[in-house]
């Protein structure tokens, strides 16, 4: 299948939504994602480590169509092969999910490839050198999605902002009431799961998260002037 990866818009937006099959089983996934997109979320990551490849591919294709309808980006967690076959806009790689170089060779020059860097500036440097389009640090707070993940120090965001010439994503337990320090430290995008897709009204939650990010960014800009 011809990939849809050849788009030039790599703006991830302020809030990056990550799906969870336990929060969004079956058709709830598509309804919730559309609510998030309609509120202005510009990046959705399909993350499902329980589905078989065919089910994951079918979900990916549906989400790609939704994201395209809202001029948003669909990123597939771990699986560059699913990203390629579904026409997704990119892939997010953990440290055990293969190399950026291999994914780039398979997906093409315009694919969005993001990399988990935990709390390591060295991993971020490597990801940048290999051609990643964004780097992700975390977890910064207690996380329902990855409760056993190692904690990251917020200082790594400041260091990355000073050195890494890529979008910087913060992840892990992020809510409206704790995002401001991350934005002030240099995160350009905040990845959320439960605070978005665990909300009873996903659209309202998305609007609130976006508004809080913008206010945090505005306050941070004023503080540095």
N, C-alpha and C. Protein backbone atom coordinates (compact mmCIF):
# COMPACT_ATOMS: atom_id res chain seq x y z
N UNK A 1 0.85 -1.21 0.00
CA UNK A 1 0.00 0.00 0.00
C UNK A 1 0.88 1.25 0.00
N UNK A 2 0.48 2.24 -0.77
CA UNK A 2 1.23 3.49 -0.81
C UNK A 2 1.04 4.25 0.50
N UNK A 3 2.13 4.67 1.10
CA UNK A 3 2.05 5.39 2.37
C UNK A 3 1.61 6.83 2.17
N UNK A 4 1.02 7.40 3.22
CA UNK A 4 0.60 8.80 3.21
C UNK A 4 1.60 9.66 3.97
N UNK A 5 2.84 9.20 4.08
CA UNK A 5 3.81 9.85 4.95
C UNK A 5 4.44 11.10 4.33
N UNK A 6 4.19 11.36 3.08
CA UNK A 6 4.89 12.47 2.42
C UNK A 6 4.19 13.80 2.63
N UNK A 7 3.92 14.15 3.87
CA UNK A 7 3.36 15.47 4.17
C UNK A 7 4.44 16.28 4.88
N UNK A 8 4.43 17.57 4.67
CA UNK A 8 5.51 18.41 5.18
C UNK A 8 5.21 19.06 6.52
N UNK A 9 3.95 18.96 7.00
CA UNK A 9 3.57 19.63 8.24
C UNK A 9 3.89 18.72 9.41
N UNK A 10 4.91 19.08 10.18
CA UNK A 10 5.32 18.26 11.30
C UNK A 10 5.03 18.93 12.64
N UNK A 11 4.17 19.93 12.64
CA UNK A 11 3.78 20.58 13.89
C UNK A 11 2.93 19.61 14.70
N UNK A 12 3.40 19.24 15.89
CA UNK A 12 2.70 18.27 16.71
C UNK A 12 1.57 18.88 17.52
N UNK A 13 1.58 20.21 17.65
CA UNK A 13 0.59 20.87 18.48
C UNK A 13 0.99 20.83 19.95
N UNK A 14 0.28 21.56 20.80
CA UNK A 14 0.63 21.63 22.22
C UNK A 14 0.38 20.33 22.98
N UNK A 15 -0.71 19.62 22.60
CA UNK A 15 -1.11 18.41 23.31
C UNK A 15 -1.11 17.23 22.35
N UNK A 16 -0.47 16.16 22.78
CA UNK A 16 -0.27 14.95 21.97
C UNK A 16 -1.03 13.83 22.69
N UNK A 17 -2.12 13.37 22.07
CA UNK A 17 -2.96 12.37 22.72
C UNK A 17 -2.51 10.95 22.44
N UNK A 18 -2.40 10.15 23.50
CA UNK A 18 -2.00 8.75 23.38
C UNK A 18 -3.17 7.86 23.77
N UNK A 19 -3.55 6.95 22.90
CA UNK A 19 -4.70 6.10 23.17
C UNK A 19 -4.33 4.94 24.10
N UNK A 20 -5.36 4.37 24.71
CA UNK A 20 -5.19 3.24 25.63
C UNK A 20 -6.36 2.29 25.41
N UNK A 21 -6.10 1.02 25.05
CA UNK A 21 -7.20 0.10 24.73
C UNK A 21 -8.10 -0.20 25.92
N UNK A 22 -7.60 -0.02 27.13
CA UNK A 22 -8.42 -0.28 28.31
C UNK A 22 -9.37 0.89 28.58
N UNK A 23 -8.94 2.10 28.24
CA UNK A 23 -9.81 3.26 28.37
C UNK A 23 -10.78 3.37 27.21
N UNK A 24 -10.34 2.91 26.02
CA UNK A 24 -11.12 3.11 24.80
C UNK A 24 -11.29 1.79 24.04
N UNK A 25 -12.06 0.85 24.59
CA UNK A 25 -12.25 -0.42 23.89
C UNK A 25 -13.16 -0.27 22.68
N UNK A 26 -12.90 -1.07 21.65
CA UNK A 26 -13.78 -1.14 20.50
C UNK A 26 -13.99 0.19 19.81
N UNK A 27 -15.26 0.47 19.49
CA UNK A 27 -15.62 1.68 18.77
C UNK A 27 -15.44 2.94 19.60
N UNK A 28 -15.31 2.80 20.90
CA UNK A 28 -15.09 3.98 21.74
C UNK A 28 -13.81 4.71 21.33
N UNK A 29 -12.83 3.96 20.82
CA UNK A 29 -11.58 4.56 20.39
C UNK A 29 -11.82 5.67 19.36
N UNK A 30 -12.58 5.38 18.34
CA UNK A 30 -12.77 6.32 17.24
C UNK A 30 -13.63 7.51 17.66
N UNK A 31 -14.64 7.24 18.47
CA UNK A 31 -15.49 8.33 18.95
C UNK A 31 -14.69 9.30 19.82
N UNK A 32 -13.87 8.75 20.72
CA UNK A 32 -13.09 9.61 21.62
C UNK A 32 -12.03 10.39 20.85
N UNK A 33 -11.37 9.75 19.91
CA UNK A 33 -10.34 10.43 19.12
C UNK A 33 -10.97 11.56 18.31
N UNK A 34 -12.13 11.32 17.74
CA UNK A 34 -12.76 12.39 16.97
C UNK A 34 -13.14 13.57 17.86
N UNK A 35 -13.56 13.30 19.08
CA UNK A 35 -13.85 14.38 20.02
C UNK A 35 -12.59 15.20 20.30
N UNK A 36 -11.48 14.51 20.51
CA UNK A 36 -10.22 15.20 20.77
C UNK A 36 -9.79 16.04 19.57
N UNK A 37 -9.89 15.46 18.39
CA UNK A 37 -9.51 16.18 17.17
C UNK A 37 -10.40 17.40 16.94
N UNK A 38 -11.69 17.25 17.20
CA UNK A 38 -12.61 18.36 16.97
C UNK A 38 -12.34 19.52 17.92
N UNK A 39 -11.69 19.24 19.05
CA UNK A 39 -11.33 20.29 20.00
C UNK A 39 -10.02 20.98 19.65
N UNK A 40 -9.27 20.40 18.72
CA UNK A 40 -8.02 21.04 18.30
C UNK A 40 -6.75 20.24 18.55
N UNK A 41 -6.86 19.02 19.06
CA UNK A 41 -5.67 18.18 19.21
C UNK A 41 -5.13 17.86 17.82
N UNK A 42 -3.80 17.99 17.65
CA UNK A 42 -3.21 17.84 16.32
C UNK A 42 -2.39 16.56 16.14
N UNK A 43 -2.15 15.81 17.22
CA UNK A 43 -1.39 14.57 17.10
C UNK A 43 -2.03 13.50 17.97
N UNK A 44 -2.26 12.34 17.38
CA UNK A 44 -2.79 11.18 18.09
C UNK A 44 -1.84 10.01 17.88
N UNK A 45 -1.45 9.38 18.98
CA UNK A 45 -0.65 8.16 18.88
C UNK A 45 -1.52 6.95 19.18
N UNK A 46 -1.53 6.00 18.27
CA UNK A 46 -2.21 4.73 18.50
C UNK A 46 -1.24 3.82 19.27
N UNK A 47 -1.58 3.59 20.53
CA UNK A 47 -0.75 2.73 21.38
C UNK A 47 -1.62 1.59 21.89
N UNK A 48 -1.36 0.40 21.39
CA UNK A 48 -2.12 -0.78 21.80
C UNK A 48 -1.20 -1.99 21.73
N UNK A 49 -0.72 -2.41 22.88
CA UNK A 49 0.21 -3.54 22.93
C UNK A 49 -0.51 -4.86 23.12
N UNK A 50 -1.85 -4.84 23.10
CA UNK A 50 -2.64 -6.06 23.28
C UNK A 50 -3.21 -6.59 21.98
N UNK A 51 -3.37 -5.75 20.98
CA UNK A 51 -4.04 -6.15 19.74
C UNK A 51 -3.12 -6.96 18.84
N UNK A 52 -3.71 -7.87 18.07
CA UNK A 52 -2.95 -8.57 17.05
C UNK A 52 -2.71 -7.62 15.87
N UNK A 53 -1.82 -8.01 14.99
CA UNK A 53 -1.40 -7.10 13.92
C UNK A 53 -2.54 -6.68 13.02
N UNK A 54 -3.45 -7.59 12.68
CA UNK A 54 -4.55 -7.24 11.79
C UNK A 54 -5.50 -6.24 12.44
N UNK A 55 -5.81 -6.47 13.72
CA UNK A 55 -6.69 -5.54 14.43
C UNK A 55 -6.03 -4.18 14.55
N UNK A 56 -4.73 -4.19 14.86
CA UNK A 56 -4.00 -2.92 14.98
C UNK A 56 -3.99 -2.17 13.66
N UNK A 57 -3.81 -2.89 12.57
CA UNK A 57 -3.79 -2.26 11.25
C UNK A 57 -5.15 -1.64 10.92
N UNK A 58 -6.22 -2.35 11.23
CA UNK A 58 -7.56 -1.83 10.95
C UNK A 58 -7.83 -0.57 11.77
N UNK A 59 -7.43 -0.60 13.04
CA UNK A 59 -7.59 0.60 13.88
C UNK A 59 -6.76 1.75 13.36
N UNK A 60 -5.54 1.44 12.93
CA UNK A 60 -4.65 2.48 12.42
C UNK A 60 -5.24 3.14 11.18
N UNK A 61 -5.76 2.35 10.28
CA UNK A 61 -6.35 2.91 9.05
C UNK A 61 -7.51 3.85 9.37
N UNK A 62 -8.34 3.44 10.33
CA UNK A 62 -9.48 4.27 10.71
C UNK A 62 -9.01 5.58 11.34
N UNK A 63 -8.00 5.50 12.20
CA UNK A 63 -7.49 6.71 12.84
C UNK A 63 -6.79 7.63 11.85
N UNK A 64 -6.11 7.07 10.89
CA UNK A 64 -5.46 7.89 9.85
C UNK A 64 -6.52 8.69 9.09
N UNK A 65 -7.63 8.05 8.75
CA UNK A 65 -8.70 8.77 8.04
C UNK A 65 -9.26 9.90 8.90
N UNK A 66 -9.46 9.63 10.18
CA UNK A 66 -9.96 10.65 11.09
C UNK A 66 -8.98 11.82 11.19
N UNK A 67 -7.70 11.49 11.39
CA UNK A 67 -6.69 12.54 11.52
C UNK A 67 -6.58 13.37 10.25
N UNK A 68 -6.63 12.72 9.11
CA UNK A 68 -6.57 13.46 7.84
C UNK A 68 -7.75 14.42 7.71
N UNK A 69 -8.91 13.99 8.17
CA UNK A 69 -10.11 14.84 8.07
C UNK A 69 -9.98 16.11 8.90
N UNK A 70 -9.16 16.05 9.96
CA UNK A 70 -8.98 17.20 10.85
C UNK A 70 -7.60 17.84 10.68
N UNK A 71 -6.89 17.49 9.61
CA UNK A 71 -5.55 18.01 9.35
C UNK A 71 -4.63 17.77 10.55
N UNK A 72 -4.73 16.58 11.09
CA UNK A 72 -3.92 16.18 12.24
C UNK A 72 -3.02 15.01 11.84
N UNK A 73 -2.17 14.59 12.76
CA UNK A 73 -1.22 13.54 12.50
C UNK A 73 -1.50 12.30 13.33
N UNK A 74 -1.39 11.14 12.69
CA UNK A 74 -1.55 9.86 13.37
C UNK A 74 -0.19 9.18 13.45
N UNK A 75 0.25 8.92 14.68
CA UNK A 75 1.53 8.26 14.93
C UNK A 75 1.25 6.87 15.50
N UNK A 76 1.98 5.87 15.04
CA UNK A 76 1.81 4.51 15.53
C UNK A 76 2.92 4.19 16.53
N UNK A 77 2.55 3.67 17.67
CA UNK A 77 3.53 3.28 18.68
C UNK A 77 4.24 1.99 18.26
N UNK A 78 5.54 2.00 18.28
CA UNK A 78 6.40 0.83 18.10
C UNK A 78 6.53 0.32 16.66
N UNK A 79 5.42 0.24 15.92
CA UNK A 79 5.35 -0.57 14.71
C UNK A 79 5.46 0.26 13.44
N UNK A 80 6.68 0.38 12.90
CA UNK A 80 6.83 1.12 11.65
C UNK A 80 6.12 0.40 10.50
N UNK A 81 6.01 -0.94 10.59
CA UNK A 81 5.34 -1.69 9.53
C UNK A 81 3.85 -1.35 9.46
N UNK A 82 3.22 -1.20 10.63
CA UNK A 82 1.82 -0.79 10.67
C UNK A 82 1.68 0.65 10.19
N UNK A 83 2.62 1.49 10.57
CA UNK A 83 2.60 2.88 10.10
C UNK A 83 2.66 2.94 8.58
N UNK A 84 3.53 2.15 8.00
CA UNK A 84 3.69 2.14 6.55
C UNK A 84 2.44 1.63 5.85
N UNK A 85 1.92 0.52 6.32
CA UNK A 85 0.78 -0.11 5.64
C UNK A 85 -0.52 0.67 5.82
N UNK A 86 -0.65 1.36 6.93
CA UNK A 86 -1.88 2.10 7.20
C UNK A 86 -1.88 3.49 6.59
N UNK A 87 -0.70 3.96 6.15
CA UNK A 87 -0.60 5.33 5.66
C UNK A 87 -0.50 6.35 6.76
N UNK A 88 -0.08 5.93 7.95
CA UNK A 88 0.06 6.85 9.08
C UNK A 88 1.17 7.85 8.80
N UNK A 89 1.21 8.89 9.63
CA UNK A 89 2.16 9.98 9.42
C UNK A 89 3.51 9.73 10.07
N UNK A 90 3.59 8.69 10.88
CA UNK A 90 4.87 8.39 11.51
C UNK A 90 4.78 7.31 12.55
N UNK A 91 5.88 7.13 13.26
CA UNK A 91 6.00 6.07 14.27
C UNK A 91 6.73 6.62 15.48
N UNK A 92 6.36 6.11 16.65
CA UNK A 92 7.09 6.44 17.87
C UNK A 92 7.84 5.21 18.32
N UNK A 93 9.13 5.35 18.53
CA UNK A 93 10.00 4.24 18.88
C UNK A 93 10.48 4.34 20.31
N UNK A 94 10.29 3.24 21.06
CA UNK A 94 10.96 3.10 22.34
C UNK A 94 12.39 2.66 22.11
N UNK A 95 13.15 2.58 23.16
CA UNK A 95 14.56 2.22 23.00
C UNK A 95 14.75 0.78 22.56
N UNK A 96 13.71 -0.05 22.68
CA UNK A 96 13.82 -1.45 22.27
C UNK A 96 13.02 -1.74 21.00
N UNK A 97 12.62 -0.69 20.28
CA UNK A 97 11.71 -0.86 19.14
C UNK A 97 12.38 -0.67 17.79
N UNK A 98 13.69 -0.82 17.73
CA UNK A 98 14.38 -0.65 16.46
C UNK A 98 14.98 0.74 16.33
N UNK A 99 15.75 0.94 15.29
CA UNK A 99 16.50 2.18 15.14
C UNK A 99 15.75 3.20 14.29
N UNK A 100 16.08 4.46 14.53
CA UNK A 100 15.55 5.53 13.70
C UNK A 100 16.01 5.35 12.26
N UNK A 101 17.23 4.93 12.08
CA UNK A 101 17.78 4.78 10.73
C UNK A 101 16.99 3.75 9.93
N UNK A 102 16.65 2.62 10.56
CA UNK A 102 15.86 1.60 9.86
C UNK A 102 14.46 2.11 9.56
N UNK A 103 13.83 2.74 10.55
CA UNK A 103 12.48 3.26 10.33
C UNK A 103 12.47 4.31 9.23
N UNK A 104 13.47 5.17 9.21
CA UNK A 104 13.56 6.20 8.17
C UNK A 104 13.71 5.57 6.79
N UNK A 105 14.53 4.53 6.70
CA UNK A 105 14.72 3.86 5.43
C UNK A 105 13.42 3.24 4.92
N UNK A 106 12.60 2.75 5.84
CA UNK A 106 11.35 2.11 5.46
C UNK A 106 10.25 3.13 5.17
N UNK A 107 10.20 4.20 5.95
CA UNK A 107 9.07 5.12 5.89
C UNK A 107 9.30 6.33 5.00
N UNK A 108 10.55 6.64 4.70
CA UNK A 108 10.83 7.76 3.82
C UNK A 108 11.24 9.02 4.55
N UNK A 109 11.68 9.98 3.79
CA UNK A 109 12.31 11.17 4.34
C UNK A 109 11.36 12.05 5.13
N UNK A 110 10.07 12.02 4.79
CA UNK A 110 9.13 12.95 5.42
C UNK A 110 8.39 12.37 6.61
N UNK A 111 8.63 11.12 6.94
CA UNK A 111 7.93 10.50 8.07
C UNK A 111 8.29 11.17 9.39
N UNK A 112 7.32 11.26 10.27
CA UNK A 112 7.57 11.74 11.63
C UNK A 112 8.03 10.55 12.46
N UNK A 113 9.24 10.60 12.94
CA UNK A 113 9.77 9.53 13.78
C UNK A 113 10.15 10.14 15.12
N UNK A 114 9.49 9.68 16.17
CA UNK A 114 9.78 10.15 17.52
C UNK A 114 10.45 9.07 18.33
N UNK A 115 11.20 9.47 19.33
CA UNK A 115 11.99 8.52 20.11
C UNK A 115 11.84 8.79 21.60
N UNK A 116 11.60 7.74 22.36
CA UNK A 116 11.61 7.82 23.81
C UNK A 116 13.05 7.94 24.30
N UNK A 117 13.32 8.97 25.09
CA UNK A 117 14.68 9.20 25.58
C UNK A 117 14.77 9.14 27.11
N UNK A 118 13.66 8.77 27.77
CA UNK A 118 13.62 8.65 29.22
C UNK A 118 14.09 9.95 29.88
N UNK A 119 15.22 9.90 30.57
CA UNK A 119 15.77 11.12 31.17
C UNK A 119 17.20 11.35 30.70
N UNK A 120 17.46 10.93 29.45
CA UNK A 120 18.83 10.94 28.95
C UNK A 120 19.03 11.93 27.81
N UNK A 121 19.84 12.92 28.05
CA UNK A 121 20.19 13.86 26.99
C UNK A 121 21.02 13.16 25.92
N UNK A 122 21.81 12.19 26.31
CA UNK A 122 22.64 11.46 25.35
C UNK A 122 21.77 10.70 24.35
N UNK A 123 20.69 10.09 24.83
CA UNK A 123 19.78 9.40 23.91
C UNK A 123 19.12 10.40 22.97
N UNK A 124 18.81 11.58 23.46
CA UNK A 124 18.22 12.61 22.61
C UNK A 124 19.21 13.07 21.55
N UNK A 125 20.46 13.23 21.92
CA UNK A 125 21.49 13.61 20.94
C UNK A 125 21.58 12.56 19.84
N UNK A 126 21.57 11.28 20.24
CA UNK A 126 21.66 10.19 19.27
C UNK A 126 20.44 10.18 18.35
N UNK A 127 19.26 10.35 18.92
CA UNK A 127 18.04 10.36 18.12
C UNK A 127 18.09 11.48 17.10
N UNK A 128 18.53 12.65 17.53
CA UNK A 128 18.64 13.79 16.62
C UNK A 128 19.64 13.50 15.50
N UNK A 129 20.77 12.94 15.86
CA UNK A 129 21.80 12.64 14.86
C UNK A 129 21.32 11.60 13.85
N UNK A 130 20.46 10.69 14.28
CA UNK A 130 19.98 9.63 13.39
C UNK A 130 18.78 10.07 12.55
N UNK A 131 18.26 11.26 12.82
CA UNK A 131 17.19 11.78 11.97
C UNK A 131 15.80 11.75 12.55
N UNK A 132 15.68 11.65 13.88
CA UNK A 132 14.36 11.72 14.51
C UNK A 132 13.74 13.09 14.28
N UNK A 133 12.41 13.17 14.37
CA UNK A 133 11.71 14.43 14.20
C UNK A 133 11.27 15.02 15.53
N UNK A 134 11.27 14.20 16.60
CA UNK A 134 11.03 14.73 17.94
C UNK A 134 11.61 13.77 18.95
N UNK A 135 11.85 14.28 20.16
CA UNK A 135 12.34 13.45 21.26
C UNK A 135 11.36 13.57 22.42
N UNK A 136 11.20 12.49 23.17
CA UNK A 136 10.25 12.46 24.28
C UNK A 136 10.97 12.07 25.57
N UNK A 137 10.73 12.85 26.60
CA UNK A 137 11.32 12.59 27.92
C UNK A 137 10.21 12.28 28.93
N UNK A 138 10.52 11.42 29.89
CA UNK A 138 9.56 11.13 30.95
C UNK A 138 9.80 9.74 31.52
N UNK A 139 9.10 9.39 32.58
CA UNK A 139 7.90 10.03 33.06
C UNK A 139 8.25 11.09 34.11
N UNK A 140 7.45 12.17 34.15
CA UNK A 140 7.72 13.25 35.10
C UNK A 140 6.86 13.16 36.35
N UNK A 141 5.71 12.48 36.24
CA UNK A 141 4.83 12.30 37.39
C UNK A 141 4.34 10.86 37.40
N UNK A 142 3.68 10.46 38.45
CA UNK A 142 3.13 9.12 38.55
C UNK A 142 2.21 8.85 37.37
N UNK A 143 2.40 7.73 36.71
CA UNK A 143 1.69 7.45 35.46
C UNK A 143 0.89 6.16 35.55
N UNK A 144 -0.39 6.23 35.15
CA UNK A 144 -1.21 5.03 35.07
C UNK A 144 -0.80 4.16 33.90
N UNK A 145 -0.35 4.79 32.82
CA UNK A 145 0.00 4.04 31.61
C UNK A 145 1.30 3.27 31.79
N UNK A 146 2.30 3.91 32.43
CA UNK A 146 3.59 3.26 32.66
C UNK A 146 4.01 3.44 34.12
N UNK A 147 3.33 2.72 35.04
CA UNK A 147 3.61 2.91 36.46
C UNK A 147 5.01 2.51 36.89
N UNK A 148 5.66 1.64 36.14
CA UNK A 148 6.99 1.16 36.50
C UNK A 148 8.12 1.91 35.79
N UNK A 149 7.77 2.86 34.94
CA UNK A 149 8.80 3.62 34.22
C UNK A 149 9.61 4.47 35.19
N UNK A 150 10.89 4.60 34.90
CA UNK A 150 11.75 5.41 35.74
C UNK A 150 11.38 6.88 35.68
N UNK A 151 11.58 7.55 36.78
CA UNK A 151 11.24 8.98 36.85
C UNK A 151 12.30 9.81 36.13
N UNK A 152 11.85 10.90 35.51
CA UNK A 152 12.75 11.84 34.83
C UNK A 152 12.82 13.13 35.62
N UNK A 153 13.98 13.74 35.62
CA UNK A 153 14.20 15.02 36.27
C UNK A 153 13.84 16.14 35.29
N UNK A 154 13.09 17.11 35.76
CA UNK A 154 12.66 18.20 34.89
C UNK A 154 13.85 18.97 34.30
N UNK A 155 15.00 18.87 34.94
CA UNK A 155 16.19 19.57 34.44
C UNK A 155 16.57 19.10 33.04
N UNK A 156 16.23 17.85 32.70
CA UNK A 156 16.58 17.35 31.36
C UNK A 156 15.85 18.14 30.28
N UNK A 157 14.68 18.68 30.58
CA UNK A 157 13.96 19.50 29.62
C UNK A 157 14.71 20.81 29.36
N UNK A 158 15.24 21.40 30.41
CA UNK A 158 16.01 22.64 30.25
C UNK A 158 17.27 22.38 29.43
N UNK A 159 17.93 21.29 29.72
CA UNK A 159 19.15 20.95 28.98
C UNK A 159 18.83 20.69 27.51
N UNK A 160 17.75 19.95 27.27
CA UNK A 160 17.37 19.64 25.89
C UNK A 160 16.96 20.89 25.14
N UNK A 161 16.23 21.77 25.79
CA UNK A 161 15.79 23.01 25.13
C UNK A 161 16.97 23.86 24.70
N UNK A 162 18.06 23.78 25.44
CA UNK A 162 19.25 24.57 25.12
C UNK A 162 20.10 23.95 24.02
N UNK A 163 19.91 22.65 23.77
CA UNK A 163 20.82 21.95 22.89
C UNK A 163 20.15 21.23 21.72
N UNK A 164 19.00 20.65 21.94
CA UNK A 164 18.36 19.81 20.92
C UNK A 164 17.48 20.67 20.01
N UNK A 165 17.69 20.54 18.72
CA UNK A 165 16.95 21.36 17.75
C UNK A 165 15.77 20.59 17.18
N UNK A 166 15.00 19.99 18.07
CA UNK A 166 13.81 19.23 17.70
C UNK A 166 12.69 19.56 18.68
N UNK A 167 11.44 19.31 18.31
CA UNK A 167 10.37 19.41 19.30
C UNK A 167 10.66 18.49 20.49
N UNK A 168 10.35 18.99 21.68
CA UNK A 168 10.63 18.26 22.93
C UNK A 168 9.31 17.92 23.59
N UNK A 169 9.05 16.63 23.73
CA UNK A 169 7.80 16.18 24.33
C UNK A 169 8.07 15.71 25.76
N UNK A 170 7.20 16.10 26.66
CA UNK A 170 7.20 15.59 28.03
C UNK A 170 6.03 14.64 28.18
N UNK A 171 6.24 13.56 28.95
CA UNK A 171 5.21 12.54 29.09
C UNK A 171 5.24 11.97 30.50
N UNK A 172 4.09 11.49 30.93
CA UNK A 172 4.03 10.77 32.20
C UNK A 172 3.23 11.46 33.27
N UNK A 173 1.96 11.09 33.43
CA UNK A 173 1.13 11.61 34.50
C UNK A 173 0.79 13.08 34.39
N UNK A 174 0.78 13.62 33.19
CA UNK A 174 0.57 15.06 33.02
C UNK A 174 -0.92 15.40 33.06
N UNK A 175 -1.22 16.41 33.87
CA UNK A 175 -2.59 16.90 34.03
C UNK A 175 -2.57 18.42 33.93
N UNK A 176 -3.76 19.01 33.96
CA UNK A 176 -3.84 20.47 33.90
C UNK A 176 -3.07 21.12 35.05
N UNK A 177 -3.11 20.51 36.23
CA UNK A 177 -2.54 21.16 37.41
C UNK A 177 -1.05 20.98 37.56
N UNK A 178 -0.40 20.23 36.65
CA UNK A 178 1.06 20.06 36.80
C UNK A 178 1.83 20.33 35.51
N UNK A 179 1.16 20.83 34.48
CA UNK A 179 1.85 21.02 33.20
C UNK A 179 2.72 22.28 33.14
N UNK A 180 2.38 23.30 33.91
CA UNK A 180 3.08 24.58 33.80
C UNK A 180 4.59 24.45 33.97
N UNK A 181 5.11 23.74 34.99
CA UNK A 181 6.57 23.65 35.14
C UNK A 181 7.26 22.99 33.94
N UNK A 182 6.57 22.06 33.29
CA UNK A 182 7.15 21.38 32.13
C UNK A 182 7.26 22.33 30.94
N UNK A 183 6.23 23.13 30.75
CA UNK A 183 6.24 24.11 29.67
C UNK A 183 7.32 25.17 29.94
N UNK A 184 7.40 25.61 31.17
CA UNK A 184 8.39 26.62 31.54
C UNK A 184 9.82 26.09 31.38
N UNK A 185 9.99 24.78 31.56
CA UNK A 185 11.33 24.18 31.45
C UNK A 185 11.74 23.93 30.01
N UNK A 186 10.80 24.00 29.07
CA UNK A 186 11.19 23.86 27.68
C UNK A 186 10.43 22.84 26.87
N UNK A 187 9.47 22.13 27.46
CA UNK A 187 8.67 21.18 26.68
C UNK A 187 7.84 21.95 25.66
N UNK A 188 7.89 21.52 24.41
CA UNK A 188 7.11 22.17 23.36
C UNK A 188 5.76 21.48 23.15
N UNK A 189 5.65 20.25 23.60
CA UNK A 189 4.42 19.46 23.49
C UNK A 189 4.31 18.58 24.72
N UNK A 190 3.09 18.39 25.20
CA UNK A 190 2.85 17.51 26.34
C UNK A 190 2.01 16.32 25.89
N UNK A 191 2.50 15.12 26.15
CA UNK A 191 1.78 13.90 25.79
C UNK A 191 0.91 13.46 26.96
N UNK A 192 -0.35 13.18 26.67
CA UNK A 192 -1.30 12.82 27.71
C UNK A 192 -2.09 11.59 27.28
N UNK A 193 -2.52 10.84 28.27
CA UNK A 193 -3.38 9.68 28.01
C UNK A 193 -4.62 9.76 28.89
N UNK A 194 -4.48 9.44 30.18
CA UNK A 194 -5.63 9.39 31.08
C UNK A 194 -6.30 10.74 31.27
N UNK A 195 -5.52 11.82 31.31
CA UNK A 195 -6.13 13.13 31.53
C UNK A 195 -6.95 13.58 30.33
N UNK A 196 -6.79 12.92 29.20
CA UNK A 196 -7.59 13.20 28.01
C UNK A 196 -8.63 12.10 27.79
N UNK A 197 -8.17 10.88 27.57
CA UNK A 197 -9.08 9.81 27.19
C UNK A 197 -9.74 9.11 28.37
N UNK A 198 -9.32 9.43 29.57
CA UNK A 198 -9.99 8.92 30.75
C UNK A 198 -11.06 9.87 31.27
N UNK A 199 -11.22 11.00 30.62
CA UNK A 199 -12.20 12.01 31.05
C UNK A 199 -13.60 11.63 30.57
N UNK A 200 -14.63 11.97 31.34
CA UNK A 200 -16.00 11.66 30.91
C UNK A 200 -16.41 12.42 29.65
N UNK A 201 -15.84 13.60 29.44
CA UNK A 201 -16.10 14.40 28.24
C UNK A 201 -14.76 14.71 27.60
N UNK A 202 -14.40 13.93 26.58
CA UNK A 202 -13.07 14.04 25.98
C UNK A 202 -12.89 15.39 25.30
N UNK A 203 -13.90 15.87 24.62
CA UNK A 203 -13.77 17.16 23.96
C UNK A 203 -13.51 18.28 24.96
N UNK A 204 -14.25 18.29 26.05
CA UNK A 204 -14.06 19.32 27.07
C UNK A 204 -12.68 19.20 27.70
N UNK A 205 -12.23 17.97 27.95
CA UNK A 205 -10.90 17.77 28.52
C UNK A 205 -9.83 18.27 27.57
N UNK A 206 -9.99 18.01 26.28
CA UNK A 206 -9.02 18.47 25.29
C UNK A 206 -8.95 20.00 25.27
N UNK A 207 -10.10 20.64 25.28
CA UNK A 207 -10.14 22.10 25.28
C UNK A 207 -9.45 22.67 26.51
N UNK A 208 -9.70 22.07 27.66
CA UNK A 208 -9.09 22.54 28.90
C UNK A 208 -7.58 22.35 28.88
N UNK A 209 -7.12 21.21 28.40
CA UNK A 209 -5.68 20.96 28.32
C UNK A 209 -5.00 21.95 27.37
N UNK A 210 -5.61 22.18 26.23
CA UNK A 210 -5.05 23.13 25.27
C UNK A 210 -5.00 24.54 25.85
N UNK A 211 -6.08 24.95 26.50
CA UNK A 211 -6.12 26.30 27.08
C UNK A 211 -5.09 26.45 28.19
N UNK A 212 -4.93 25.42 29.01
CA UNK A 212 -3.96 25.49 30.10
C UNK A 212 -2.54 25.54 29.56
N UNK A 213 -2.27 24.76 28.52
CA UNK A 213 -0.93 24.81 27.90
C UNK A 213 -0.65 26.23 27.38
N UNK A 214 -1.60 26.79 26.67
CA UNK A 214 -1.38 28.13 26.08
C UNK A 214 -1.17 29.18 27.17
N UNK A 215 -1.92 29.07 28.26
CA UNK A 215 -1.74 30.01 29.35
C UNK A 215 -0.38 29.82 29.99
N UNK A 216 0.05 28.58 30.14
CA UNK A 216 1.37 28.29 30.72
C UNK A 216 2.48 28.84 29.83
N UNK A 217 2.33 28.67 28.52
CA UNK A 217 3.33 29.17 27.58
C UNK A 217 3.36 30.70 27.60
N UNK A 218 2.19 31.32 27.70
CA UNK A 218 2.11 32.78 27.76
C UNK A 218 2.79 33.30 29.03
N UNK A 219 2.51 32.67 30.15
CA UNK A 219 3.13 33.09 31.41
C UNK A 219 4.63 32.90 31.38
N UNK A 220 5.07 31.78 30.79
CA UNK A 220 6.51 31.52 30.69
C UNK A 220 7.21 32.55 29.83
N UNK A 221 6.56 32.94 28.72
CA UNK A 221 7.12 33.95 27.83
C UNK A 221 7.25 35.29 28.55
N UNK A 222 6.23 35.65 29.33
CA UNK A 222 6.27 36.91 30.06
C UNK A 222 7.35 36.91 31.15
N UNK A 223 7.55 35.74 31.75
CA UNK A 223 8.55 35.64 32.83
C UNK A 223 9.97 35.83 32.31
N UNK A 224 10.18 35.52 31.03
CA UNK A 224 11.55 35.61 30.47
C UNK A 224 11.82 36.97 29.84
N UNK A 225 10.82 37.81 29.76
CA UNK A 225 11.02 39.13 29.14
C UNK A 225 11.58 40.14 30.14
